[in-house]
Amino acid sequence: MSKTSIKKDHILVVGGTGFIGTHIVKEALVRGLKVTIISKSHKPFSDRIKDVEYLSVDISQQDNLCNQLKNKTFQYVINLGGYVDHSNYSSGGDMVFNVHFNGTKNLINNINKDSLKSFIQIGSSDEYGINVAPQNENQRESPISPYSFAKTTTTHFLQMLYRTEYYPVVILRPFLVYGPGQGMERFIPQVIKGCIEGRKFPTSEGRQLRDFCFIGDFVGSVFSSIDNTKAFGEVINIASGEPIFIKDVVNKIQNIITTGSPQFGETGYRAGENMELYADITKAKKLLNWQPKISLEEGLRKTIDAIRNIDNAK
């Protein structure tokens, strides 16, 4: 979708106050779209983006969602609803599943299909589980947590709707998206903060191979999916396609900042963690005419600068 091809079509961004959602909302406004956000928590008026409608509702609550969406129509829906939580089933995983799967089902039930041009579902690379790398979309998913199981179940549910009712869905499966504005509890911001503050901080041995995608590139993939009928019903990896060891990412950050002391090996690996999780992005290049533009080095520098600017403004 070009930046001038759509005027005043209405887009709903579920999870639009989060890291990825905020970037999508800003790009949607640039493209002339009318924007509505759904978030579970109330966004303070002082923190709201101008000309955006904010709805505060838990999408797993069917009746409340119905009331909020009553008489509203959307041409586009971007579903980032839910949260990353790797809890076991017996430790809160049932709630994780409910939010992701039932939340998406509730959205489908309460969005007017007649006006809908496309529904973009944001999945997760965790759906691949223990599959061998590079992970590609033809592999059978192998979830290792209620979170990844919920994402996988939602993927299959939406693909079923496409096959049986031609529901206009595209499932994007991002790997590790990072960039300015990401929460400080996430891996890259944590490392950056530790280095900026010049302190020792724990990390794993860093032998995991991972695939990092800059937020600007990911947002570009979202808008390359909208109105793209070739992508309907498809699962599409979105990533850099270039694996890197976690330890090398930490060292890159430390070398750019020149301070900080990562303590490799002080943090253990996650149970069942796939040590090689990086993407084959051939399908994205072919169907979306998309490929990443920002190198990891450039993306890290942009992220470091953003965090420094926040610190300096305090």
Protein backbone atom coordinates (compact mmCIF):
# COMPACT_ATOMS: atom_id res chain seq x y z
CA MET A 1 0.00 0.00 0.00
CA SER A 2 1.48 3.36 -1.03
CA LYS A 3 1.42 6.33 1.28
CA THR A 4 -1.11 8.08 -0.94
CA SER A 5 -3.29 5.18 -2.08
CA ILE A 6 -5.79 5.24 0.78
CA LYS A 7 -7.63 8.24 2.15
CA LYS A 8 -9.89 8.09 5.20
CA ASP A 9 -10.26 4.34 5.26
CA HIS A 10 -10.61 3.24 8.87
CA ILE A 11 -7.97 1.05 10.55
CA LEU A 12 -8.32 -0.67 13.93
CA VAL A 13 -5.03 -1.38 15.69
CA VAL A 14 -5.56 -3.86 18.52
CA GLY A 15 -2.76 -3.40 21.02
CA GLY A 16 -2.05 -0.02 19.48
CA THR A 17 -0.51 1.50 22.60
CA GLY A 18 2.33 -1.05 22.72
CA PHE A 19 5.76 -0.81 21.14
CA ILE A 20 4.92 -2.18 17.70
CA GLY A 21 1.37 -0.83 17.75
CA THR A 22 2.46 2.74 18.38
CA HIS A 23 4.77 2.67 15.36
CA ILE A 24 1.99 1.21 13.19
CA VAL A 25 -0.46 3.88 14.35
CA LYS A 26 1.95 6.69 13.49
CA GLU A 27 2.56 5.25 10.02
CA ALA A 28 -1.18 4.80 9.47
CA LEU A 29 -1.72 8.49 10.19
CA VAL A 30 1.02 9.41 7.72
CA ARG A 31 -0.83 7.36 5.12
CA GLY A 32 -4.06 9.28 5.68
CA LEU A 33 -5.99 6.59 7.53
CA LYS A 34 -8.57 7.16 10.23
CA VAL A 35 -7.22 5.30 13.29
CA THR A 36 -8.87 3.59 16.24
CA ILE A 37 -6.85 1.85 18.93
CA ILE A 38 -7.95 -0.90 21.29
CA SER A 39 -5.91 -1.38 24.46
CA LYS A 40 -6.67 -3.21 27.68
CA SER A 41 -5.49 -0.38 29.90
CA HIS A 42 -6.64 3.22 29.85
CA LYS A 43 -4.21 5.54 28.08
CA PRO A 44 -3.77 8.90 29.88
CA PHE A 45 -5.00 11.79 27.73
CA SER A 46 -1.59 13.47 28.00
CA ASP A 47 0.03 10.44 26.33
CA ARG A 48 -2.45 10.03 23.49
CA ILE A 49 -1.65 10.60 19.83
CA LYS A 50 -3.62 13.40 18.21
CA ASP A 51 -6.54 12.45 15.93
CA VAL A 52 -6.65 8.85 17.20
CA GLU A 53 -9.69 7.26 18.85
CA TYR A 54 -8.83 5.19 21.95
CA LEU A 55 -11.00 2.32 23.18
CA SER A 56 -10.17 0.67 26.50
CA VAL A 57 -11.40 -2.94 26.54
CA ASP A 58 -10.16 -6.48 27.19
CA ILE A 59 -10.70 -8.33 23.91
CA SER A 60 -11.15 -11.61 25.80
CA GLN A 61 -14.37 -10.16 27.27
CA GLN A 62 -16.93 -10.78 24.51
CA ASP A 63 -19.78 -8.57 25.78
CA ASN A 64 -17.58 -5.59 26.57
CA LEU A 65 -15.89 -5.81 23.18
CA CYS A 66 -19.26 -6.02 21.45
CA ASN A 67 -20.41 -2.83 23.19
CA GLN A 68 -17.23 -0.96 22.22
CA LEU A 69 -17.35 -1.97 18.55
CA LYS A 70 -21.10 -1.60 18.08
CA ASN A 71 -21.97 0.40 14.94
CA LYS A 72 -18.29 0.77 13.98
CA THR A 73 -16.89 -0.35 10.65
CA PHE A 74 -13.25 -0.87 9.68
CA GLN A 75 -11.53 -1.50 6.37
CA TYR A 76 -8.37 -2.78 8.06
CA VAL A 77 -7.59 -4.54 11.33
CA ILE A 78 -4.09 -5.10 12.72
CA ASN A 79 -4.23 -7.55 15.61
CA LEU A 80 -1.39 -7.20 18.12
CA GLY A 81 -3.65 -8.13 21.02
CA GLY A 82 -2.25 -10.06 23.96
CA TYR A 83 1.18 -10.17 25.55
CA VAL A 84 4.33 -12.26 25.59
CA ASP A 85 4.21 -14.63 28.57
CA HIS A 86 6.05 -17.97 28.65
CA SER A 87 4.32 -19.27 31.79
CA ASN A 88 3.49 -22.96 31.94
CA TYR A 89 -0.15 -24.01 31.65
CA SER A 90 -0.42 -24.66 35.40
CA SER A 91 1.11 -21.26 36.22
CA GLY A 92 -1.22 -18.93 34.36
CA GLY A 93 -0.96 -20.35 30.86
CA ASP A 94 -4.71 -20.87 30.57
CA MET A 95 -5.24 -17.11 30.87
CA VAL A 96 -2.55 -16.48 28.25
CA PHE A 97 -4.32 -18.83 25.85
CA ASN A 98 -7.67 -17.19 26.51
CA VAL A 99 -6.45 -13.69 25.76
CA HIS A 100 -4.75 -14.65 22.49
CA PHE A 101 -7.11 -17.21 20.98
CA ASN A 102 -10.50 -16.21 22.39
CA GLY A 103 -9.58 -12.56 22.08
CA THR A 104 -8.97 -12.99 18.35
CA LYS A 105 -12.16 -15.03 17.97
CA ASN A 106 -14.11 -12.26 19.70
CA LEU A 107 -12.65 -9.72 17.30
CA ILE A 108 -13.74 -11.82 14.31
CA ASN A 109 -17.23 -12.13 15.79
CA ASN A 110 -17.63 -8.39 16.34
CA ILE A 111 -16.05 -6.84 13.25
CA ASN A 112 -18.27 -6.22 10.25
CA LYS A 113 -16.84 -8.45 7.54
CA ASP A 114 -18.78 -6.65 4.78
CA SER A 115 -16.60 -3.55 5.07
CA LEU A 116 -13.35 -5.36 5.88
CA LYS A 117 -10.58 -5.31 3.25
CA SER A 118 -7.93 -7.13 5.28
CA PHE A 119 -7.19 -8.50 8.75
CA ILE A 120 -3.48 -8.63 9.60
CA GLN A 121 -2.67 -11.08 12.40
CA ILE A 122 0.67 -10.66 14.16
CA GLY A 123 1.91 -14.11 15.13
CA SER A 124 5.21 -15.13 16.67
CA SER A 125 8.41 -16.95 15.76
CA ASP A 126 7.80 -18.95 18.96
CA GLU A 127 5.21 -20.91 16.98
CA TYR A 128 8.11 -22.81 15.39
CA GLY A 129 9.23 -24.17 18.75
CA ILE A 130 12.01 -26.68 18.27
CA ASN A 131 11.95 -26.70 14.46
CA VAL A 132 15.36 -26.61 12.78
CA ALA A 133 16.70 -23.35 11.38
CA PRO A 134 16.31 -21.51 9.19
CA GLN A 135 12.62 -21.74 10.04
CA ASN A 136 10.28 -21.55 7.06
CA GLU A 137 6.52 -21.34 6.72
CA ASN A 138 6.14 -24.92 5.45
CA GLN A 139 7.33 -26.40 8.73
CA ARG A 140 4.71 -27.79 11.08
CA GLU A 141 4.53 -25.61 14.18
CA SER A 142 5.83 -27.09 17.43
CA PRO A 143 4.78 -24.77 20.30
CA ILE A 144 6.51 -25.19 23.66
CA SER A 145 4.35 -22.91 25.84
CA PRO A 146 0.69 -21.88 26.18
CA TYR A 147 1.68 -18.57 24.58
CA SER A 148 3.14 -20.16 21.44
CA PHE A 149 0.30 -22.72 21.40
CA ALA A 150 -2.25 -19.90 21.49
CA LYS A 151 -0.49 -18.14 18.63
CA THR A 152 -0.38 -21.38 16.62
CA THR A 153 -4.04 -22.17 17.30
CA THR A 154 -5.00 -18.67 16.22
CA THR A 155 -2.98 -19.06 13.02
CA HIS A 156 -4.83 -22.25 12.09
CA PHE A 157 -8.21 -20.77 13.03
CA LEU A 158 -7.68 -17.79 10.75
CA GLN A 159 -6.38 -19.91 7.89
CA MET A 160 -9.49 -22.08 8.23
CA LEU A 161 -11.64 -18.96 7.91
CA TYR A 162 -9.74 -18.00 4.78
CA ARG A 163 -10.21 -21.45 3.23
CA THR A 164 -13.90 -21.79 4.12
CA GLU A 165 -15.15 -18.18 3.94
CA TYR A 166 -12.36 -16.35 2.12
CA TYR A 167 -11.77 -14.23 5.20
CA PRO A 168 -9.16 -11.65 4.08
CA VAL A 169 -6.44 -12.53 6.59
CA VAL A 170 -2.66 -12.37 6.43
CA ILE A 171 -0.59 -13.86 9.26
CA LEU A 172 2.77 -12.15 9.74
CA ARG A 173 5.22 -14.10 11.86
CA PRO A 174 7.85 -11.68 13.22
CA PHE A 175 11.10 -12.77 14.75
CA LEU A 176 12.74 -10.39 17.24
CA VAL A 177 11.48 -6.88 16.54
CA TYR A 178 13.41 -4.10 18.27
CA GLY A 179 13.94 -0.35 18.05
CA PRO A 180 13.15 3.02 19.64
CA GLY A 181 10.25 2.90 22.06
CA GLN A 182 10.59 -0.75 23.04
CA GLY A 183 9.92 -1.52 26.71
CA MET A 184 12.94 -1.48 28.96
CA GLU A 185 12.15 -5.01 30.16
CA ARG A 186 13.07 -6.41 26.73
CA PHE A 187 16.49 -7.85 25.87
CA ILE A 188 18.12 -5.13 23.73
CA PRO A 189 16.93 -2.17 25.85
CA GLN A 190 18.11 -3.96 28.99
CA VAL A 191 21.59 -4.43 27.56
CA ILE A 192 21.72 -0.85 26.28
CA LYS A 193 20.68 0.50 29.67
CA GLY A 194 23.26 -1.59 31.49
CA CYS A 195 26.01 -0.38 29.16
CA ILE A 196 24.96 3.29 29.29
CA GLU A 197 25.01 3.11 33.09
CA GLY A 198 28.45 1.50 32.97
CA ARG A 199 27.53 -1.33 35.30
CA LYS A 200 27.84 -5.09 35.46
CA PHE A 201 24.71 -6.93 34.35
CA PRO A 202 23.86 -10.63 34.02
CA THR A 203 23.19 -12.35 30.72
CA SER A 204 23.16 -15.89 29.40
CA GLU A 205 26.21 -17.41 27.75
CA GLY A 206 24.71 -16.01 24.56
CA ARG A 207 25.10 -19.04 22.34
CA GLN A 208 21.58 -18.74 20.95
CA LEU A 209 21.35 -17.82 17.28
CA ARG A 210 18.64 -15.23 16.77
CA ASP A 211 17.18 -12.98 14.08
CA PHE A 212 16.52 -9.29 14.82
CA CYS A 213 14.23 -7.07 12.74
CA PHE A 214 14.21 -3.28 13.11
CA ILE A 215 10.81 -1.78 13.91
CA GLY A 216 10.74 0.42 10.80
CA ASP A 217 11.26 -2.62 8.59
CA PHE A 218 8.54 -4.54 10.39
CA VAL A 219 6.04 -1.70 10.01
CA GLY A 220 6.86 -1.65 6.32
CA SER A 221 5.93 -5.34 6.08
CA VAL A 222 2.55 -4.65 7.68
CA PHE A 223 1.63 -2.03 5.11
CA SER A 224 2.98 -4.21 2.31
CA SER A 225 0.43 -6.82 3.44
CA ILE A 226 -2.61 -4.54 3.44
CA ASP A 227 -4.63 -4.86 0.21
CA ASN A 228 -2.24 -7.60 -0.94
CA THR A 229 -4.61 -10.35 -2.08
CA LYS A 230 -1.67 -12.61 -2.98
CA ALA A 231 -0.87 -12.82 0.71
CA PHE A 232 -4.38 -13.68 1.92
CA GLY A 233 -4.46 -16.94 3.87
CA GLU A 234 -0.67 -17.07 4.10
CA VAL A 235 1.79 -17.22 6.99
CA ILE A 236 4.78 -15.01 6.23
CA ASN A 237 8.04 -14.72 8.18
CA ILE A 238 9.20 -11.17 8.86
CA ALA A 239 12.83 -10.94 9.93
CA SER A 240 16.29 -9.92 8.79
CA GLY A 241 17.10 -13.42 7.56
CA GLU A 242 20.58 -12.99 9.06
CA PRO A 243 21.34 -15.05 12.20
CA ILE A 244 23.57 -13.70 14.93
CA PHE A 245 24.65 -15.06 18.30
CA ILE A 246 23.10 -13.30 21.28
CA LYS A 247 26.60 -12.82 22.69
CA ASP A 248 27.63 -10.96 19.54
CA VAL A 249 24.62 -8.64 19.85
CA VAL A 250 25.61 -7.82 23.43
CA ASN A 251 29.19 -7.19 22.35
CA LYS A 252 28.06 -4.94 19.48
CA ILE A 253 26.06 -2.81 21.91
CA GLN A 254 28.94 -2.67 24.39
CA ASN A 255 31.38 -1.69 21.64
CA ILE A 256 29.13 1.14 20.41
CA ILE A 257 28.58 2.55 23.90
CA THR A 258 32.11 1.65 25.13
CA THR A 259 31.01 1.16 28.75
CA GLY A 260 29.23 -1.60 30.66
CA SER A 261 30.28 -5.09 31.65
CA PRO A 262 28.05 -7.99 30.57
CA GLN A 263 28.43 -11.04 32.81
CA PHE A 264 28.01 -13.91 30.38
CA GLY A 265 26.68 -17.13 31.85
CA GLU A 266 25.03 -15.64 34.94
CA THR A 267 21.55 -16.16 33.47
CA GLY A 268 20.35 -19.58 32.40
CA TYR A 269 18.59 -20.52 29.17
CA ARG A 270 14.79 -20.79 29.06
CA ALA A 271 13.49 -24.37 29.43
CA GLY A 272 13.00 -25.90 26.00
CA GLU A 273 14.55 -22.87 24.29
CA ASN A 274 15.46 -23.38 20.64
CA MET A 275 19.12 -22.45 20.32
CA GLU A 276 18.78 -21.66 16.62
CA LEU A 277 15.81 -19.47 15.74
CA TYR A 278 16.24 -17.47 12.56
CA ALA A 279 14.10 -17.05 9.49
CA ASP A 280 13.92 -17.90 5.84
CA ILE A 281 12.34 -14.71 4.42
CA THR A 282 12.06 -15.84 0.79
CA LYS A 283 8.25 -15.80 0.99
CA ALA A 284 8.10 -12.21 2.26
CA LYS A 285 10.35 -11.06 -0.56
CA LYS A 286 8.20 -12.85 -3.13
CA LEU A 287 4.63 -12.19 -1.91
CA LEU A 288 5.08 -8.80 -0.27
CA ASN A 289 7.90 -7.43 -2.40
CA TRP A 290 9.46 -6.62 0.96
CA GLN A 291 12.91 -6.94 2.42
CA PRO A 292 14.66 -5.39 5.43
CA LYS A 293 16.55 -2.15 4.84
CA ILE A 294 18.10 -1.37 8.22
CA SER A 295 21.23 -3.29 9.25
CA LEU A 296 21.58 -4.47 12.84
CA GLU A 297 24.43 -2.00 13.40
CA GLU A 298 22.32 0.94 12.21
CA GLY A 299 19.27 -0.24 14.11
CA LEU A 300 21.21 -0.60 17.34
CA ARG A 301 22.64 2.89 16.98
CA LYS A 302 19.14 4.34 16.42
CA THR A 303 17.87 2.49 19.49
CA ILE A 304 20.81 3.57 21.64
CA ASP A 305 20.32 7.20 20.60
CA ALA A 306 16.61 7.02 21.46
CA ILE A 307 17.29 5.64 24.94
CA ARG A 308 19.99 8.25 25.56
CA ASN A 309 17.58 11.01 24.51
CA ILE A 310 15.00 9.75 26.99
CA ASP A 311 17.60 9.67 29.77
CA ASN A 312 18.80 13.18 28.92
CA ALA A 313 15.23 14.52 28.99
CA LYS A 314 14.69 13.35 32.57
